[in-house]
PDB file of all heavy atoms in Angstrom:
ATOM      1  N   ASN A   1       0.809  -1.209   0.010  1.00  0.00           N
ATOM      2  CA  ASN A   1      -0.024   0.000   0.010  1.00  0.00           C
ATOM      3  C   ASN A   1       0.864   1.251   0.009  1.00  0.00           C
ATOM      4  O   ASN A   1       0.530   2.261  -0.654  1.00  0.00           O
ATOM      5  CB  ASN A   1      -0.914   0.018   1.211  1.00  0.00           C
ATOM      6  CG  ASN A   1      -2.175  -0.783   0.994  1.00  0.00           C
ATOM      7  OD1 ASN A   1      -2.266  -1.585   0.047  1.00  0.00           O
ATOM      8  ND2 ASN A   1      -3.132  -0.688   1.874  1.00  0.00           N
ATOM      9  N   HIS A   2       1.959   1.221   0.740  1.00  0.00           N
ATOM     10  CA  HIS A   2       2.844   2.389   0.790  1.00  0.00           C
ATOM     11  C   HIS A   2       3.412   2.688  -0.634  1.00  0.00           C
ATOM     12  O   HIS A   2       3.508   3.837  -1.028  1.00  0.00           O
ATOM     13  CB  HIS A   2       3.963   2.138   1.796  1.00  0.00           C
ATOM     14  CG  HIS A   2       4.821   3.324   2.068  1.00  0.00           C
ATOM     15  ND1 HIS A   2       4.503   4.306   2.986  1.00  0.00           N
ATOM     16  CD2 HIS A   2       6.001   3.719   1.476  1.00  0.00           C
ATOM     17  CE1 HIS A   2       5.452   5.260   2.963  1.00  0.00           C
ATOM     18  NE2 HIS A   2       6.350   4.907   2.059  1.00  0.00           N
ATOM     19  N   LEU A   3       3.813   1.636  -1.250  1.00  0.00           N
ATOM     20  CA  LEU A   3       4.403   1.792  -2.620  1.00  0.00           C
ATOM     21  C   LEU A   3       3.345   2.358  -3.554  1.00  0.00           C
ATOM     22  O   LEU A   3       3.571   3.329  -4.353  1.00  0.00           O
ATOM     23  CB  LEU A   3       4.836   0.455  -3.149  1.00  0.00           C
ATOM     24  CG  LEU A   3       5.323   0.439  -4.634  1.00  0.00           C
ATOM     25  CD1 LEU A   3       6.500   1.412  -4.862  1.00  0.00           C
ATOM     26  CD2 LEU A   3       5.715  -0.947  -5.046  1.00  0.00           C
ATOM     27  N   PHE A   4       2.073   1.822  -3.553  1.00  0.00           N
ATOM     28  CA  PHE A   4       1.014   2.335  -4.406  1.00  0.00           C
ATOM     29  C   PHE A   4       0.798   3.810  -4.082  1.00  0.00           C
ATOM     30  O   PHE A   4       0.528   4.638  -4.989  1.00  0.00           O
ATOM     31  CB  PHE A   4      -0.228   1.532  -4.222  1.00  0.00           C
ATOM     32  CG  PHE A   4      -0.147   0.101  -4.671  1.00  0.00           C
ATOM     33  CD1 PHE A   4      -1.012  -0.830  -4.251  1.00  0.00           C
ATOM     34  CD2 PHE A   4       0.905  -0.324  -5.523  1.00  0.00           C
ATOM     35  CE1 PHE A   4      -0.933  -2.134  -4.624  1.00  0.00           C
ATOM     36  CE2 PHE A   4       1.000  -1.620  -5.922  1.00  0.00           C
ATOM     37  CZ  PHE A   4       0.081  -2.551  -5.490  1.00  0.00           C
ATOM     38  N   GLY A   5       0.786   4.117  -2.777  1.00  0.00           N
ATOM     39  CA  GLY A   5       0.605   5.554  -2.379  1.00  0.00           C
ATOM     40  C   GLY A   5       1.634   6.478  -2.883  1.00  0.00           C
ATOM     41  O   GLY A   5       1.370   7.568  -3.342  1.00  0.00           O
ATOM     42  N   ARG A   6       2.902   6.012  -2.826  1.00  0.00           N
ATOM     43  CA  ARG A   6       4.001   6.863  -3.329  1.00  0.00           C
ATOM     44  C   ARG A   6       3.822   7.058  -4.839  1.00  0.00           C
ATOM     45  O   ARG A   6       4.064   8.201  -5.322  1.00  0.00           O
ATOM     46  CB  ARG A   6       5.304   6.118  -3.094  1.00  0.00           C
ATOM     47  CG  ARG A   6       5.817   6.141  -1.655  1.00  0.00           C
ATOM     48  CD  ARG A   6       6.344   7.502  -1.301  1.00  0.00           C
ATOM     49  NE  ARG A   6       6.869   7.545   0.064  1.00  0.00           N
ATOM     50  CZ  ARG A   6       7.237   8.695   0.681  1.00  0.00           C
ATOM     51  NH1 ARG A   6       7.060   9.819   0.063  1.00  0.00           N
ATOM     52  NH2 ARG A   6       7.707   8.650   1.898  1.00  0.00           N
ATOM     53  N   LEU A   7       3.421   6.094  -5.558  1.00  0.00           N
ATOM     54  CA  LEU A   7       3.152   6.261  -6.963  1.00  0.00           C
ATOM     55  C   LEU A   7       2.031   7.253  -7.260  1.00  0.00           C
ATOM     56  O   LEU A   7       2.102   8.048  -8.202  1.00  0.00           O
ATOM     57  CB  LEU A   7       2.865   4.949  -7.657  1.00  0.00           C
ATOM     58  CG  LEU A   7       4.038   3.919  -7.671  1.00  0.00           C
ATOM     59  CD1 LEU A   7       3.545   2.528  -8.175  1.00  0.00           C
ATOM     60  CD2 LEU A   7       5.209   4.430  -8.516  1.00  0.00           C
ATOM     61  N   THR A   8       1.004   7.179  -6.433  1.00  0.00           N
ATOM     62  CA  THR A   8      -0.132   8.079  -6.600  1.00  0.00           C
ATOM     63  C   THR A   8       0.328   9.518  -6.325  1.00  0.00           C
ATOM     64  O   THR A   8      -0.068  10.476  -7.048  1.00  0.00           O
ATOM     65  CB  THR A   8      -1.223   7.767  -5.582  1.00  0.00           C
ATOM     66  OG1 THR A   8      -1.749   6.398  -5.894  1.00  0.00           O
ATOM     67  CG2 THR A   8      -2.424   8.734  -5.732  1.00  0.00           C
ATOM     68  N   ILE A   9       1.162   9.773  -5.323  1.00  0.00           N
ATOM     69  CA  ILE A   9       1.603  11.070  -4.995  1.00  0.00           C
ATOM     70  C   ILE A   9       2.485  11.634  -6.141  1.00  0.00           C
ATOM     71  O   ILE A   9       2.346  12.772  -6.535  1.00  0.00           O
ATOM     72  CB  ILE A   9       2.431  11.052  -3.656  1.00  0.00           C
ATOM     73  CG1 ILE A   9       1.493  10.868  -2.498  1.00  0.00           C
ATOM     74  CG2 ILE A   9       3.250  12.389  -3.489  1.00  0.00           C
ATOM     75  CD1 ILE A   9       2.171  10.578  -1.186  1.00  0.00           C
ATOM     76  N   LYS A  10       3.372  10.803  -6.634  1.00  0.00           N
ATOM     77  CA  LYS A  10       4.221  11.212  -7.772  1.00  0.00           C
ATOM     78  C   LYS A  10       3.382  11.580  -9.001  1.00  0.00           C
ATOM     79  O   LYS A  10       3.608  12.619  -9.664  1.00  0.00           O
ATOM     80  CB  LYS A  10       5.182  10.060  -8.136  1.00  0.00           C
ATOM     81  CG  LYS A  10       6.112  10.410  -9.289  1.00  0.00           C
ATOM     82  CD  LYS A  10       7.063   9.250  -9.560  1.00  0.00           C
ATOM     83  CE  LYS A  10       7.979   9.595 -10.782  1.00  0.00           C
ATOM     84  NZ  LYS A  10       8.892   8.462 -11.085  1.00  0.00           N
ATOM     85  N   SER A  11       2.358  10.795  -9.290  1.00  0.00           N
ATOM     86  CA  SER A  11       1.497  11.043 -10.424  1.00  0.00           C
ATOM     87  C   SER A  11       0.723  12.350 -10.177  1.00  0.00           C
ATOM     88  O   SER A  11       0.582  13.174 -11.109  1.00  0.00           O
ATOM     89  CB  SER A  11       0.536   9.922 -10.610  1.00  0.00           C
ATOM     90  OG  SER A  11      -0.411  10.199 -11.658  1.00  0.00           O
ATOM     91  N   ALA A  12       0.272  12.603  -8.973  1.00  0.00           N
ATOM     92  CA  ALA A  12      -0.508  13.784  -8.621  1.00  0.00           C
ATOM     93  C   ALA A  12       0.374  15.029  -8.885  1.00  0.00           C
ATOM     94  O   ALA A  12      -0.147  16.041  -9.379  1.00  0.00           O
ATOM     95  CB  ALA A  12      -0.984  13.748  -7.197  1.00  0.00           C
ATOM     96  N   ARG A  13       1.633  14.962  -8.534  1.00  0.00           N
ATOM     97  CA  ARG A  13       2.501  16.103  -8.760  1.00  0.00           C
ATOM     98  C   ARG A  13       2.535  16.464 -10.269  1.00  0.00           C
ATOM     99  O   ARG A  13       2.547  17.619 -10.667  1.00  0.00           O
ATOM    100  CB  ARG A  13       3.923  15.807  -8.308  1.00  0.00           C
ATOM    101  CG  ARG A  13       4.069  15.567  -6.819  1.00  0.00           C
ATOM    102  CD  ARG A  13       3.989  16.906  -6.045  1.00  0.00           C
ATOM    103  NE  ARG A  13       4.281  16.698  -4.677  1.00  0.00           N
ATOM    104  CZ  ARG A  13       3.415  16.301  -3.720  1.00  0.00           C
ATOM    105  NH1 ARG A  13       2.181  16.126  -4.086  1.00  0.00           N
ATOM    106  NH2 ARG A  13       3.769  16.166  -2.500  1.00  0.00           N
ATOM    107  N   ALA A  14       2.627  15.422 -11.107  1.00  0.00           N
ATOM    108  CA  ALA A  14       2.713  15.676 -12.539  1.00  0.00           C
ATOM    109  C   ALA A  14       1.367  16.175 -13.075  1.00  0.00           C
ATOM    110  O   ALA A  14       1.387  16.965 -14.013  1.00  0.00           O
ATOM    111  CB  ALA A  14       3.076  14.342 -13.263  1.00  0.00           C
ATOM    112  N   ILE A  15       0.261  15.765 -12.559  1.00  0.00           N
ATOM    113  CA  ILE A  15      -1.051  16.110 -13.045  1.00  0.00           C
ATOM    114  C   ILE A  15      -1.416  17.548 -12.612  1.00  0.00           C
ATOM    115  O   ILE A  15      -1.986  18.344 -13.390  1.00  0.00           O
ATOM    116  CB  ILE A  15      -2.094  15.104 -12.673  1.00  0.00           C
ATOM    117  CG1 ILE A  15      -1.773  13.736 -13.207  1.00  0.00           C
ATOM    118  CG2 ILE A  15      -3.489  15.543 -13.177  1.00  0.00           C
ATOM    119  CD1 ILE A  15      -1.598  13.669 -14.725  1.00  0.00           C
ATOM    120  N   PHE A  16      -1.152  17.863 -11.366  1.00  0.00           N
ATOM    121  CA  PHE A  16      -1.571  19.118 -10.780  1.00  0.00           C
ATOM    122  C   PHE A  16      -0.530  20.235 -10.996  1.00  0.00           C
ATOM    123  O   PHE A  16      -0.870  21.414 -11.110  1.00  0.00           O
ATOM    124  CB  PHE A  16      -1.841  19.041  -9.278  1.00  0.00           C
ATOM    125  CG  PHE A  16      -3.152  18.398  -8.977  1.00  0.00           C
ATOM    126  CD1 PHE A  16      -3.265  17.030  -8.640  1.00  0.00           C
ATOM    127  CD2 PHE A  16      -4.359  19.202  -8.966  1.00  0.00           C
ATOM    128  CE1 PHE A  16      -4.468  16.466  -8.387  1.00  0.00           C
ATOM    129  CE2 PHE A  16      -5.578  18.578  -8.693  1.00  0.00           C
ATOM    130  CZ  PHE A  16      -5.650  17.281  -8.383  1.00  0.00           C
ATOM    131  N   GLY A  17       0.738  19.888 -11.032  1.00  0.00           N
ATOM    132  CA  GLY A  17       1.782  20.884 -11.152  1.00  0.00           C
ATOM    133  C   GLY A  17       2.024  21.594  -9.829  1.00  0.00           C
ATOM    134  O   GLY A  17       1.646  21.108  -8.806  1.00  0.00           O
ATOM    135  N   GLN A  18       2.712  22.757  -9.932  1.00  0.00           N
ATOM    136  CA  GLN A  18       3.064  23.442  -8.704  1.00  0.00           C
ATOM    137  C   GLN A  18       1.835  24.076  -8.057  1.00  0.00           C
ATOM    138  O   GLN A  18       0.936  24.602  -8.738  1.00  0.00           O
ATOM    139  CB  GLN A  18       4.038  24.624  -9.054  1.00  0.00           C
ATOM    140  CG  GLN A  18       5.454  24.115  -9.379  1.00  0.00           C
ATOM    141  CD  GLN A  18       6.123  23.443  -8.200  1.00  0.00           C
ATOM    142  OE1 GLN A  18       6.008  23.919  -7.071  1.00  0.00           O
ATOM    143  NE2 GLN A  18       6.805  22.346  -8.506  1.00  0.00           N
ATOM    144  N   PRO A  19       1.693  23.991  -6.757  1.00  0.00           N
ATOM    145  CA  PRO A  19       0.541  24.624  -6.061  1.00  0.00           C
ATOM    146  C   PRO A  19       0.669  26.120  -6.077  1.00  0.00           C
ATOM    147  O   PRO A  19       1.794  26.664  -6.330  1.00  0.00           O
ATOM    148  CB  PRO A  19       0.653  24.054  -4.629  1.00  0.00           C
ATOM    149  CG  PRO A  19       2.104  23.834  -4.447  1.00  0.00           C
ATOM    150  CD  PRO A  19       2.626  23.336  -5.776  1.00  0.00           C
ATOM    151  N   PRO A  20      -0.330  26.884  -5.808  1.00  0.00           N
ATOM    152  CA  PRO A  20      -0.278  28.349  -5.698  1.00  0.00           C
ATOM    153  C   PRO A  20       0.698  28.730  -4.580  1.00  0.00           C
ATOM    154  O   PRO A  20       0.856  27.979  -3.626  1.00  0.00           O
ATOM    155  CB  PRO A  20      -1.650  28.774  -5.362  1.00  0.00           C
ATOM    156  CG  PRO A  20      -2.376  27.583  -4.875  1.00  0.00           C
ATOM    157  CD  PRO A  20      -1.734  26.406  -5.514  1.00  0.00           C
ATOM    158  N   SER A  21       1.353  29.854  -4.711  1.00  0.00           N
ATOM    159  CA  SER A  21       2.351  30.306  -3.720  1.00  0.00           C
ATOM    160  C   SER A  21       1.692  30.802  -2.441  1.00  0.00           C
ATOM    161  O   SER A  21       2.288  30.791  -1.374  1.00  0.00           O
ATOM    162  CB  SER A  21       3.244  31.403  -4.276  1.00  0.00           C
ATOM    163  OG  SER A  21       2.444  32.478  -4.714  1.00  0.00           O
ATOM    164  N   SER A  22       0.385  31.174  -2.546  1.00  0.00           N
ATOM    165  CA  SER A  22      -0.345  31.654  -1.346  1.00  0.00           C
ATOM    166  C   SER A  22      -1.791  31.335  -1.547  1.00  0.00           C
ATOM    167  O   SER A  22      -2.259  30.990  -2.624  1.00  0.00           O
ATOM    168  CB  SER A  22      -0.135  33.147  -1.145  1.00  0.00           C
ATOM    169  OG  SER A  22      -0.611  33.899  -2.295  1.00  0.00           O
ATOM    170  N   TRP A  23      -2.539  31.444  -0.455  1.00  0.00           N
ATOM    171  CA  TRP A  23      -3.981  31.157  -0.545  1.00  0.00           C
ATOM    172  C   TRP A  23      -4.722  32.319  -1.200  1.00  0.00           C
ATOM    173  O   TRP A  23      -4.380  33.480  -1.024  1.00  0.00           O
ATOM    174  CB  TRP A  23      -4.553  30.951   0.869  1.00  0.00           C
ATOM    175  CG  TRP A  23      -3.944  29.749   1.611  1.00  0.00           C
ATOM    176  CD1 TRP A  23      -3.067  29.774   2.599  1.00  0.00           C
ATOM    177  CD2 TRP A  23      -4.173  28.410   1.287  1.00  0.00           C
ATOM    178  NE1 TRP A  23      -2.706  28.497   2.907  1.00  0.00           N
ATOM    179  CE2 TRP A  23      -3.372  27.628   2.150  1.00  0.00           C
ATOM    180  CE3 TRP A  23      -4.973  27.710   0.363  1.00  0.00           C
ATOM    181  CZ2 TRP A  23      -3.378  26.213   2.189  1.00  0.00           C
ATOM    182  CZ3 TRP A  23      -4.970  26.316   0.349  1.00  0.00           C
ATOM    183  CH2 TRP A  23      -4.229  25.590   1.232  1.00  0.00           C
ATOM    184  N   ALA A  24      -5.775  31.963  -1.908  1.00  0.00           N
ATOM    185  CA  ALA A  24      -6.548  32.956  -2.680  1.00  0.00           C
ATOM    186  C   ALA A  24      -7.462  33.755  -1.709  1.00  0.00           C
ATOM    187  O   ALA A  24      -7.985  34.778  -2.095  1.00  0.00           O
ATOM    188  CB  ALA A  24      -7.341  32.332  -3.778  1.00  0.00           C
ATOM    189  N   ASP A  25      -7.637  33.258  -0.504  1.00  0.00           N
ATOM    190  CA  ASP A  25      -8.528  33.921   0.432  1.00  0.00           C
ATOM    191  C   ASP A  25      -7.845  33.911   1.796  1.00  0.00           C
ATOM    192  O   ASP A  25      -6.881  33.174   2.033  1.00  0.00           O
ATOM    193  CB  ASP A  25      -9.882  33.231   0.571  1.00  0.00           C
ATOM    194  CG  ASP A  25      -9.753  31.842   1.099  1.00  0.00           C
ATOM    195  OD1 ASP A  25      -9.503  30.896   0.291  1.00  0.00           O
ATOM    196  OD2 ASP A  25      -9.906  31.604   2.322  1.00  0.00           O
ATOM    197  N   ASP A  26      -8.381  34.655   2.713  1.00  0.00           N
ATOM    198  CA  ASP A  26      -7.797  34.738   4.041  1.00  0.00           C
ATOM    199  C   ASP A  26      -8.757  34.209   5.140  1.00  0.00           C
ATOM    200  O   ASP A  26      -8.377  34.152   6.260  1.00  0.00           O
ATOM    201  CB  ASP A  26      -7.477  36.148   4.434  1.00  0.00           C
ATOM    202  CG  ASP A  26      -6.327  36.752   3.592  1.00  0.00           C
ATOM    203  OD1 ASP A  26      -5.435  35.955   3.222  1.00  0.00           O
ATOM    204  OD2 ASP A  26      -6.412  37.924   3.201  1.00  0.00           O
ATOM    205  N   ASP A  27      -9.951  33.806   4.713  1.00  0.00           N
ATOM    206  CA  ASP A  27     -10.968  33.495   5.712  1.00  0.00           C
ATOM    207  C   ASP A  27     -11.566  32.130   5.564  1.00  0.00           C
ATOM    208  O   ASP A  27     -12.616  31.808   6.086  1.00  0.00           O
ATOM    209  CB  ASP A  27     -12.088  34.511   5.601  1.00  0.00           C
ATOM    210  CG  ASP A  27     -11.631  35.913   5.859  1.00  0.00           C
ATOM    211  OD1 ASP A  27     -10.899  36.168   6.810  1.00  0.00           O
ATOM    212  OD2 ASP A  27     -11.985  36.801   5.028  1.00  0.00           O
ATOM    213  N   ARG A  28     -10.893  31.224   4.792  1.00  0.00           N
ATOM    214  CA  ARG A  28     -11.492  29.904   4.551  1.00  0.00           C
ATOM    215  C   ARG A  28     -11.744  29.155   5.876  1.00  0.00           C
ATOM    216  O   ARG A  28     -12.709  28.437   6.025  1.00  0.00           O
ATOM    217  CB  ARG A  28     -10.666  29.102   3.630  1.00  0.00           C
ATOM    218  CG  ARG A  28     -11.187  27.689   3.446  1.00  0.00           C
ATOM    219  CD  ARG A  28     -10.581  26.944   2.259  1.00  0.00           C
ATOM    220  NE  ARG A  28     -10.859  27.617   1.025  1.00  0.00           N
ATOM    221  CZ  ARG A  28     -10.729  27.050  -0.167  1.00  0.00           C
ATOM    222  NH1 ARG A  28     -10.329  25.792  -0.197  1.00  0.00           N
ATOM    223  NH2 ARG A  28     -10.987  27.714  -1.266  1.00  0.00           N
ATOM    224  N   GLY A  29     -10.828  29.333   6.814  1.00  0.00           N
ATOM    225  CA  GLY A  29     -11.014  28.626   8.103  1.00  0.00           C
ATOM    226  C   GLY A  29     -12.289  28.946   8.766  1.00  0.00           C
ATOM    227  O   GLY A  29     -12.801  28.186   9.554  1.00  0.00           O
ATOM    228  N   ASP A  30     -12.909  30.122   8.450  1.00  0.00           N
ATOM    229  CA  ASP A  30     -14.176  30.524   9.064  1.00  0.00           C
ATOM    230  C   ASP A  30     -15.383  29.982   8.383  1.00  0.00           C
ATOM    231  O   ASP A  30     -16.475  30.131   8.808  1.00  0.00           O
ATOM    232  CB  ASP A  30     -14.310  32.069   9.156  1.00  0.00           C
ATOM    233  CG  ASP A  30     -13.195  32.643  10.033  1.00  0.00           C
ATOM    234  OD1 ASP A  30     -12.766  32.004  11.025  1.00  0.00           O
ATOM    235  OD2 ASP A  30     -12.768  33.794   9.760  1.00  0.00           O
ATOM    236  N   GLU A  31     -15.133  29.317   7.239  1.00  0.00           N
ATOM    237  CA  GLU A  31     -16.255  28.814   6.420  1.00  0.00           C
ATOM    238  C   GLU A  31     -16.832  27.596   7.037  1.00  0.00           C
ATOM    239  O   GLU A  31     -17.929  27.139   6.667  1.00  0.00           O
ATOM    240  CB  GLU A  31     -15.802  28.543   5.025  1.00  0.00           C
ATOM    241  CG  GLU A  31     -15.363  29.788   4.254  1.00  0.00           C
ATOM    242  CD  GLU A  31     -14.780  29.435   2.934  1.00  0.00           C
ATOM    243  OE1 GLU A  31     -14.861  28.297   2.534  1.00  0.00           O
ATOM    244  OE2 GLU A  31     -14.259  30.361   2.246  1.00  0.00           O
ATOM    245  N   VAL A  32     -16.135  26.905   7.898  1.00  0.00           N
ATOM    246  CA  VAL A  32     -16.562  25.629   8.445  1.00  0.00           C
ATOM    247  C   VAL A  32     -16.818  25.741   9.925  1.00  0.00           C
ATOM    248  O   VAL A  32     -15.980  26.272  10.667  1.00  0.00           O
ATOM    249  CB  VAL A  32     -15.527  24.513   8.213  1.00  0.00           C
ATOM    250  CG1 VAL A  32     -16.018  23.185   8.732  1.00  0.00           C
ATOM    251  CG2 VAL A  32     -15.217  24.395   6.742  1.00  0.00           C
ATOM    252  N   SER A  33     -17.955  25.245  10.410  1.00  0.00           N
ATOM    253  CA  SER A  33     -18.183  25.205  11.814  1.00  0.00           C
ATOM    254  C   SER A  33     -18.085  23.780  12.293  1.00  0.00           C
ATOM    255  O   SER A  33     -18.367  22.856  11.533  1.00  0.00           O
ATOM    256  CB  SER A  33     -19.574  25.772  12.124  1.00  0.00           C
ATOM    257  OG  SER A  33     -20.556  25.014  11.552  1.00  0.00           O
ATOM    258  N   PHE A  34     -17.648  23.581  13.527  1.00  0.00           N
ATOM    259  CA  PHE A  34     -17.459  22.261  14.059  1.00  0.00           C
ATOM    260  C   PHE A  34     -18.322  22.118  15.280  1.00  0.00           C
ATOM    261  O   PHE A  34     -18.265  22.905  16.202  1.00  0.00           O
ATOM    262  CB  PHE A  34     -15.966  22.043  14.428  1.00  0.00           C
ATOM    263  CG  PHE A  34     -15.030  22.189  13.260  1.00  0.00           C
ATOM    264  CD1 PHE A  34     -14.421  23.383  13.009  1.00  0.00           C
ATOM    265  CD2 PHE A  34     -14.828  21.159  12.383  1.00  0.00           C
ATOM    266  CE1 PHE A  34     -13.563  23.501  11.939  1.00  0.00           C
ATOM    267  CE2 PHE A  34     -13.996  21.270  11.312  1.00  0.00           C
ATOM    268  CZ  PHE A  34     -13.382  22.492  11.064  1.00  0.00           C
ATOM    269  N   GLY A  35     -19.054  21.006  15.289  1.00  0.00           N
ATOM    270  CA  GLY A  35     -19.952  20.688  16.407  1.00  0.00           C
ATOM    271  C   GLY A  35     -19.164  20.080  17.533  1.00  0.00           C
ATOM    272  O   GLY A  35     -17.954  19.764  17.397  1.00  0.00           O
ATOM    273  N   PRO A  36     -19.828  19.803  18.604  1.00  0.00           N
ATOM    274  CA  PRO A  36     -19.163  19.186  19.720  1.00  0.00           C
ATOM    275  C   PRO A  36     -18.596  17.836  19.348  1.00  0.00           C
ATOM    276  O   PRO A  36     -19.188  17.031  18.676  1.00  0.00           O
ATOM    277  CB  PRO A  36     -20.293  18.982  20.782  1.00  0.00           C
ATOM    278  CG  PRO A  36     -21.331  20.013  20.404  1.00  0.00           C
ATOM    279  CD  PRO A  36     -21.223  20.110  18.893  1.00  0.00           C
ATOM    280  N   GLY A  37     -17.356  17.582  19.786  1.00  0.00           N
ATOM    281  CA  GLY A  37     -16.701  16.330  19.523  1.00  0.00           C
ATOM    282  C   GLY A  37     -15.927  16.259  18.228  1.00  0.00           C
ATOM    283  O   GLY A  37     -15.184  15.384  17.957  1.00  0.00           O
ATOM    284  N   SER A  38     -16.112  17.278  17.348  1.00  0.00           N
ATOM    285  CA  SER A  38     -15.382  17.285  16.098  1.00  0.00           C
ATOM    286  C   SER A  38     -13.922  17.550  16.347  1.00  0.00           C
ATOM    287  O   SER A  38     -13.053  16.959  15.786  1.00  0.00           O
ATOM    288  CB  SER A  38     -15.967  18.270  15.144  1.00  0.00           C
ATOM    289  OG  SER A  38     -15.873  19.593  15.641  1.00  0.00           O
ATOM    290  N   GLY A  39     -13.610  18.566  17.193  1.00  0.00           N
ATOM    291  CA  GLY A  39     -12.255  18.793  17.676  1.00  0.00           C
ATOM    292  C   GLY A  39     -11.418  19.414  16.629  1.00  0.00           C
ATOM    293  O   GLY A  39     -11.687  19.427  15.402  1.00  0.00           O
ATOM    294  N   ASP A  40     -10.273  19.984  17.046  1.00  0.00           N
ATOM    295  CA  ASP A  40      -9.278  20.567  16.162  1.00  0.00           C
ATOM    296  C   ASP A  40      -7.931  19.913  16.452  1.00  0.00           C
ATOM    297  O   ASP A  40      -6.929  20.588  16.434  1.00  0.00           O
ATOM    298  CB  ASP A  40      -9.175  22.055  16.388  1.00  0.00           C
ATOM    299  CG  ASP A  40     -10.408  22.791  15.838  1.00  0.00           C
ATOM    300  OD1 ASP A  40     -11.121  22.173  15.040  1.00  0.00           O
ATOM    301  OD2 ASP A  40     -10.615  23.930  16.200  1.00  0.00           O
ATOM    302  N   SER A  41      -7.942  18.647  16.659  1.00  0.00           N
ATOM    303  CA  SER A  41      -6.711  17.963  17.094  1.00  0.00           C
ATOM    304  C   SER A  41      -6.075  17.147  16.005  1.00  0.00           C
ATOM    305  O   SER A  41      -5.416  16.183  16.234  1.00  0.00           O
ATOM    306  CB  SER A  41      -7.056  16.997  18.280  1.00  0.00           C
ATOM    307  OG  SER A  41      -8.052  16.039  17.873  1.00  0.00           O
ATOM    308  N   THR A  42      -6.244  17.593  14.750  1.00  0.00           N
ATOM    309  CA  THR A  42      -5.589  16.875  13.633  1.00  0.00           C
ATOM    310  C   THR A  42      -4.106  16.853  13.859  1.00  0.00           C
ATOM    311  O   THR A  42      -3.500  17.877  14.127  1.00  0.00           O
ATOM    312  CB  THR A  42      -5.838  17.645  12.300  1.00  0.00           C
ATOM    313  OG1 THR A  42      -7.277  17.700  12.152  1.00  0.00           O
ATOM    314  CG2 THR A  42      -5.232  16.876  11.128  1.00  0.00           C
TER     315      THR A  42
END
């Protein structure tokens, strides 16, 4: 599974290219509300 995942990541880089240098917005974090138990402990 790790090998397949590595191949997927490599392919994604080629398909998507370089990510944007900065976020297009400053308030996306406020777009989502979290109910009890959802937590922010990622």
